[in-house]
N, C-alpha and C. Protein backbone atom coordinates (compact mmCIF):
# COMPACT_ATOMS: atom_id res chain seq x y z
N MET A 1 -4.46 90.13 31.68
CA MET A 1 -5.59 89.06 31.16
C MET A 1 -5.46 88.98 29.81
N LYS A 2 -5.88 87.75 29.22
CA LYS A 2 -5.76 87.33 28.54
C LYS A 2 -6.85 86.56 27.76
N SER A 3 -7.13 86.81 26.31
CA SER A 3 -8.45 86.52 25.76
C SER A 3 -8.59 85.12 26.03
N ALA A 4 -7.49 84.38 25.78
CA ALA A 4 -7.66 82.52 26.55
C ALA A 4 -8.45 82.48 27.85
N GLU A 5 -8.08 83.54 28.91
CA GLU A 5 -8.65 83.80 29.86
C GLU A 5 -10.52 84.18 30.32
N ILE A 6 -10.86 84.51 29.06
CA ILE A 6 -12.30 84.85 28.96
C ILE A 6 -13.14 83.57 28.88
N ASP A 7 -14.05 83.29 29.64
CA ASP A 7 -14.57 82.21 29.76
C ASP A 7 -16.60 83.05 29.70
N PRO A 8 -16.94 83.26 28.14
CA PRO A 8 -18.48 83.62 28.41
C PRO A 8 -19.28 83.06 28.87
N TYR A 9 -20.31 83.70 29.38
CA TYR A 9 -21.50 83.09 29.40
C TYR A 9 -22.85 84.07 29.18
N SER A 10 -23.85 83.58 28.69
CA SER A 10 -24.78 84.03 28.23
C SER A 10 -25.92 84.16 28.76
N ALA A 11 -26.87 85.19 29.42
CA ALA A 11 -28.40 84.96 30.40
C ALA A 11 -29.08 85.83 30.48
N GLY A 12 -30.18 86.11 30.30
CA GLY A 12 -30.90 87.70 30.26
C GLY A 12 -31.53 87.81 31.81
N VAL A 13 -32.29 88.50 31.76
CA VAL A 13 -33.65 89.09 32.85
C VAL A 13 -34.65 88.55 32.74
N GLU A 14 -35.09 88.23 31.72
CA GLU A 14 -36.18 87.95 31.07
C GLU A 14 -36.33 87.00 29.80
N PRO A 15 -35.40 85.70 29.88
CA PRO A 15 -35.47 84.94 28.65
C PRO A 15 -36.71 84.47 27.90
N HIS A 16 -36.71 84.73 26.83
CA HIS A 16 -37.85 84.24 25.65
C HIS A 16 -37.74 83.46 24.93
N GLY A 17 -36.56 82.65 25.22
CA GLY A 17 -36.47 81.46 24.01
C GLY A 17 -35.05 81.75 23.20
N MET A 18 -34.94 80.51 22.38
CA MET A 18 -34.00 81.07 21.06
C MET A 18 -34.85 81.54 19.83
N ASN A 19 -34.16 82.85 19.68
CA ASN A 19 -35.22 83.79 18.53
C ASN A 19 -34.78 83.06 17.00
N PRO A 20 -35.63 82.39 16.16
CA PRO A 20 -35.27 81.97 14.49
C PRO A 20 -34.60 83.02 13.94
N ARG A 21 -34.62 84.01 14.09
CA ARG A 21 -33.83 85.27 13.19
C ARG A 21 -32.42 85.09 13.37
N ALA A 22 -32.30 85.57 14.91
CA ALA A 22 -31.04 84.96 15.91
C ALA A 22 -30.27 83.98 15.27
N ILE A 23 -30.86 82.66 15.21
CA ILE A 23 -30.41 81.48 15.16
C ILE A 23 -29.83 81.79 13.47
N LYS A 24 -30.60 82.23 12.46
CA LYS A 24 -30.27 82.45 10.94
C LYS A 24 -29.07 83.49 10.84
N VAL A 25 -28.87 84.47 11.56
CA VAL A 25 -27.92 85.28 11.24
C VAL A 25 -26.80 85.10 11.99
N MET A 26 -26.63 84.61 12.80
CA MET A 26 -25.37 83.86 13.23
C MET A 26 -25.04 82.89 12.75
N ALA A 27 -26.01 81.60 12.27
CA ALA A 27 -25.58 80.78 11.04
C ALA A 27 -24.77 81.29 9.89
N GLU A 28 -25.61 82.52 9.65
CA GLU A 28 -24.79 83.25 8.03
C GLU A 28 -23.06 83.54 8.99
N ALA A 29 -22.99 83.72 10.12
CA ALA A 29 -21.82 84.35 10.59
C ALA A 29 -20.38 82.85 10.61
N GLY A 30 -21.26 81.87 10.44
CA GLY A 30 -20.58 80.74 10.86
C GLY A 30 -20.85 80.41 12.47
N VAL A 31 -21.85 80.45 12.97
CA VAL A 31 -22.10 80.19 14.68
C VAL A 31 -23.50 79.68 14.72
N ASP A 32 -23.09 78.24 14.65
CA ASP A 32 -24.71 76.96 15.15
C ASP A 32 -24.38 77.15 16.54
N ILE A 33 -26.46 78.25 16.72
CA ILE A 33 -26.48 78.07 18.31
C ILE A 33 -27.37 77.41 18.29
N THR A 34 -27.81 76.08 17.18
CA THR A 34 -29.23 75.57 17.64
C THR A 34 -29.38 74.93 18.73
N THR A 35 -28.31 74.66 19.49
CA THR A 35 -28.16 73.91 20.47
C THR A 35 -28.28 75.06 21.83
N HIS A 36 -28.22 75.71 21.53
CA HIS A 36 -28.39 76.54 22.81
C HIS A 36 -29.57 76.81 23.49
N HIS A 37 -29.70 77.35 24.64
CA HIS A 37 -31.09 77.59 25.16
C HIS A 37 -30.84 79.24 25.86
N SER A 38 -32.26 79.61 25.95
CA SER A 38 -32.34 81.07 26.69
C SER A 38 -32.32 80.54 27.88
N LYS A 39 -31.53 81.28 28.86
CA LYS A 39 -31.75 81.26 30.45
C LYS A 39 -31.80 82.42 31.16
N HIS A 40 -32.02 82.17 32.28
CA HIS A 40 -32.20 83.26 33.25
C HIS A 40 -31.15 83.65 34.01
N VAL A 41 -30.77 85.00 34.44
CA VAL A 41 -29.57 85.33 35.12
C VAL A 41 -29.61 84.57 36.43
N ASP A 42 -30.41 83.69 36.68
CA ASP A 42 -30.60 83.00 38.17
C ASP A 42 -30.05 81.98 38.09
N GLU A 43 -29.60 81.25 37.05
CA GLU A 43 -29.17 79.83 36.71
C GLU A 43 -27.84 80.00 36.92
N LEU A 44 -27.08 81.60 37.19
CA LEU A 44 -25.77 81.97 36.96
C LEU A 44 -25.07 82.01 38.07
N LYS A 45 -26.20 82.27 39.35
CA LYS A 45 -25.94 82.86 40.23
C LYS A 45 -24.46 82.51 41.06
N ASP A 46 -24.56 81.30 41.29
CA ASP A 46 -23.09 80.94 41.65
C ASP A 46 -22.02 80.52 41.50
N ILE A 47 -21.73 81.08 40.06
CA ILE A 47 -20.66 81.52 39.64
C ILE A 47 -20.16 82.84 40.10
N PRO A 48 -18.72 82.62 40.50
CA PRO A 48 -18.54 83.87 40.50
C PRO A 48 -17.32 85.04 39.44
N PHE A 49 -18.35 85.63 39.20
CA PHE A 49 -17.84 86.18 37.87
C PHE A 49 -17.10 87.32 38.15
N ASP A 50 -15.60 87.60 37.46
CA ASP A 50 -14.89 88.72 37.39
C ASP A 50 -16.04 90.08 36.96
N TYR A 51 -16.53 89.60 35.58
CA TYR A 51 -17.33 90.99 35.04
C TYR A 51 -18.59 90.42 34.66
N VAL A 52 -19.59 91.44 34.58
CA VAL A 52 -20.72 91.39 34.16
C VAL A 52 -21.07 92.05 33.06
N VAL A 53 -21.37 91.57 31.90
CA VAL A 53 -21.90 93.03 30.60
C VAL A 53 -23.10 92.90 30.15
N THR A 54 -24.12 93.85 30.34
CA THR A 54 -25.11 93.76 30.13
C THR A 54 -25.41 94.77 28.94
N VAL A 55 -26.19 93.96 27.69
CA VAL A 55 -25.91 94.53 26.11
C VAL A 55 -27.31 95.70 26.00
N CYS A 56 -28.42 95.44 26.86
CA CYS A 56 -29.57 96.05 26.82
C CYS A 56 -30.04 97.08 27.86
N ASP A 57 -30.77 97.82 27.59
CA ASP A 57 -30.80 99.24 28.92
C ASP A 57 -31.59 98.50 29.88
N HIS A 58 -32.58 97.76 29.55
CA HIS A 58 -33.34 97.00 30.58
C HIS A 58 -33.01 95.99 31.32
N ALA A 59 -31.73 94.82 30.58
CA ALA A 59 -30.90 94.76 31.59
C ALA A 59 -29.98 95.23 32.63
N ASN A 60 -29.39 96.32 31.88
CA ASN A 60 -28.83 97.05 32.86
C ASN A 60 -29.60 97.66 33.97
N GLU A 61 -30.87 97.83 33.72
CA GLU A 61 -31.33 98.79 34.83
C GLU A 61 -31.89 97.72 35.92
N THR A 62 -32.29 96.41 35.50
CA THR A 62 -32.88 95.70 36.16
C THR A 62 -31.69 94.56 36.88
N CYS A 63 -30.42 93.92 36.40
CA CYS A 63 -29.67 93.20 36.05
C CYS A 63 -29.61 92.60 38.04
N PRO A 64 -29.39 91.66 38.31
CA PRO A 64 -29.45 91.47 39.94
C PRO A 64 -27.82 91.78 40.33
N LEU A 65 -27.55 91.95 41.35
CA LEU A 65 -26.51 92.41 41.83
C LEU A 65 -25.40 91.12 42.01
N PHE A 66 -24.24 90.97 41.72
CA PHE A 66 -23.68 89.57 41.56
C PHE A 66 -22.59 89.79 43.11
N PRO A 67 -22.65 88.62 43.71
CA PRO A 67 -21.56 88.64 45.18
C PRO A 67 -20.41 88.65 44.90
N GLY A 68 -19.54 89.14 45.32
CA GLY A 68 -18.18 89.45 45.88
C GLY A 68 -17.88 90.60 44.39
N LYS A 69 -16.40 90.21 44.03
CA LYS A 69 -15.79 91.44 43.16
C LYS A 69 -16.30 91.83 41.76
N THR A 70 -17.67 91.47 41.19
CA THR A 70 -18.39 91.50 40.50
C THR A 70 -18.24 92.57 39.80
N LYS A 71 -17.35 92.92 38.58
CA LYS A 71 -17.35 94.41 38.04
C LYS A 71 -18.74 94.64 37.47
N LYS A 72 -19.86 95.39 36.93
CA LYS A 72 -20.58 95.39 36.08
C LYS A 72 -20.91 96.71 35.25
N ILE A 73 -20.66 96.37 33.85
CA ILE A 73 -20.23 97.14 32.45
C ILE A 73 -21.51 96.96 31.83
N HIS A 74 -21.84 98.15 31.36
CA HIS A 74 -22.80 98.29 30.29
C HIS A 74 -22.49 98.70 29.02
N VAL A 75 -23.09 97.83 27.92
CA VAL A 75 -22.26 98.14 26.56
C VAL A 75 -23.53 98.12 25.36
N GLY A 76 -24.19 99.22 25.69
CA GLY A 76 -25.68 99.28 25.48
C GLY A 76 -25.66 98.75 23.09
N PHE A 77 -26.77 98.02 23.23
CA PHE A 77 -27.19 97.84 21.70
C PHE A 77 -28.55 97.74 21.66
N ASP A 78 -28.73 98.06 20.39
CA ASP A 78 -30.54 98.15 20.01
C ASP A 78 -30.68 96.66 20.17
N ASP A 79 -32.08 96.58 19.92
CA ASP A 79 -32.39 95.17 20.81
C ASP A 79 -33.37 95.16 19.16
N PRO A 80 -32.88 93.84 18.63
CA PRO A 80 -33.07 93.41 17.36
C PRO A 80 -34.69 92.98 17.09
N PRO A 81 -35.25 92.38 18.02
CA PRO A 81 -36.71 91.82 18.33
C PRO A 81 -37.59 92.99 17.94
N ARG A 82 -37.28 94.19 19.00
CA ARG A 82 -37.90 95.48 19.03
C ARG A 82 -37.76 95.89 17.62
N LEU A 83 -36.42 96.23 17.42
CA LEU A 83 -36.84 96.76 15.73
C LEU A 83 -37.33 96.22 14.43
N ALA A 84 -37.00 95.12 14.29
CA ALA A 84 -38.03 93.95 13.53
C ALA A 84 -39.34 94.15 13.65
N GLU A 85 -40.19 94.55 14.55
CA GLU A 85 -41.46 94.74 14.84
C GLU A 85 -41.97 95.57 13.57
N THR A 86 -41.36 96.67 13.31
CA THR A 86 -41.74 97.70 12.40
C THR A 86 -41.23 97.13 10.78
N ALA A 87 -40.28 96.21 10.94
CA ALA A 87 -39.79 95.97 10.16
C ALA A 87 -41.06 95.44 8.42
N SER A 88 -40.99 96.07 7.26
CA SER A 88 -41.81 95.78 6.24
C SER A 88 -41.57 94.20 5.75
N THR A 89 -40.57 93.39 5.82
CA THR A 89 -40.22 92.78 4.97
C THR A 89 -39.06 91.84 5.92
N GLU A 90 -38.98 90.76 5.74
CA GLU A 90 -38.30 89.78 6.37
C GLU A 90 -37.03 90.08 6.35
N GLU A 91 -36.68 90.59 5.29
CA GLU A 91 -35.03 91.05 5.05
C GLU A 91 -34.89 91.98 5.39
N GLU A 92 -35.65 93.00 5.82
CA GLU A 92 -35.48 94.53 6.52
C GLU A 92 -35.47 94.32 8.07
N ALA A 93 -35.95 92.69 8.45
CA ALA A 93 -36.40 92.56 9.77
C ALA A 93 -34.69 91.80 10.01
N LEU A 94 -34.26 90.97 8.89
CA LEU A 94 -33.37 90.40 9.47
C LEU A 94 -31.84 91.47 9.11
N ALA A 95 -32.02 92.69 8.57
CA ALA A 95 -31.04 93.39 8.75
C ALA A 95 -30.71 93.54 10.04
N HIS A 96 -31.50 94.33 10.40
CA HIS A 96 -31.50 94.68 12.16
C HIS A 96 -30.55 93.74 12.75
N TYR A 97 -31.23 92.44 12.52
CA TYR A 97 -30.15 91.54 13.98
C TYR A 97 -28.78 91.52 13.04
N ARG A 98 -28.64 91.49 11.92
CA ARG A 98 -27.29 91.13 11.08
C ARG A 98 -26.53 92.57 11.67
N ARG A 99 -27.09 93.88 11.90
CA ARG A 99 -26.31 94.97 11.93
C ARG A 99 -25.54 94.96 13.79
N VAL A 100 -26.84 94.26 14.53
CA VAL A 100 -26.54 94.25 15.65
C VAL A 100 -25.72 92.85 16.20
N ARG A 101 -25.41 92.16 15.33
CA ARG A 101 -24.57 90.91 15.53
C ARG A 101 -23.20 91.28 15.27
N ASP A 102 -23.05 92.06 14.20
CA ASP A 102 -21.87 92.73 13.66
C ASP A 102 -21.24 93.87 15.01
N GLU A 103 -22.14 94.56 15.33
CA GLU A 103 -21.56 95.65 16.40
C GLU A 103 -21.40 94.72 17.74
N ILE A 104 -22.12 93.49 17.88
CA ILE A 104 -21.33 92.80 18.91
C ILE A 104 -20.10 92.49 19.19
N ARG A 105 -20.22 91.60 17.81
CA ARG A 105 -18.92 90.88 17.38
C ARG A 105 -17.51 91.77 16.99
N ASP A 106 -17.61 93.58 16.80
CA ASP A 106 -16.76 94.05 16.78
C ASP A 106 -16.50 94.35 18.16
N TRP A 107 -17.31 94.67 19.06
CA TRP A 107 -17.03 95.18 20.65
C TRP A 107 -16.24 93.78 21.36
N VAL A 108 -16.94 92.57 20.58
CA VAL A 108 -16.14 91.47 21.54
C VAL A 108 -14.84 91.51 21.24
N GLN A 109 -14.39 91.93 20.01
CA GLN A 109 -12.58 91.88 19.11
C GLN A 109 -12.08 92.53 20.45
N THR A 110 -12.46 93.45 20.92
CA THR A 110 -12.12 94.58 21.76
C THR A 110 -11.41 94.03 23.24
N LEU A 111 -12.02 92.81 23.33
CA LEU A 111 -11.85 92.34 24.44
C LEU A 111 -10.52 91.96 24.83
N PRO A 112 -9.66 91.69 25.85
CA PRO A 112 -10.03 91.79 27.20
C PRO A 112 -9.95 93.35 27.03
N ASN A 113 -9.22 93.69 26.24
CA ASN A 113 -8.50 95.62 26.58
C ASN A 113 -9.84 96.53 26.91
N SER A 114 -10.87 96.30 26.33
CA SER A 114 -11.93 97.38 26.59
C SER A 114 -12.82 97.21 28.04
N LEU A 115 -12.38 96.29 28.67
CA LEU A 115 -12.49 95.68 30.36
C LEU A 115 -11.70 96.54 31.41
N GLN A 116 -10.82 97.24 30.72
CA GLN A 116 -9.81 97.70 31.75
C GLN A 116 -10.31 98.78 31.95
N PRO A 117 -9.99 99.68 33.55
CA PRO A 117 -10.09 101.10 33.39
C PRO A 117 -9.40 102.16 32.44
């Protein structure tokens, strides 16, 4: 598999809309997500995925089954909104988002090799 063959999609089991802090830290990394929208995984049910990657424990536990030969992989990351709830400043809250953004970026850079058994 070549990285050019990866066609990524994003959806959740409980979409909450676009988070302003996520938009801000992604913009800091040069990625504009202002035109994106929060989707439910059911919106993607007709796409024949090779892999479904869950990135939070709740999604891993509740993600629906996908038909065919779809392989489900769990790569757990902390939940920035949950961590930001206890932040005492906006900068502290954003630090959680930045850390998780960078952890996800680092994992994505391992693709497609990290998908192989």
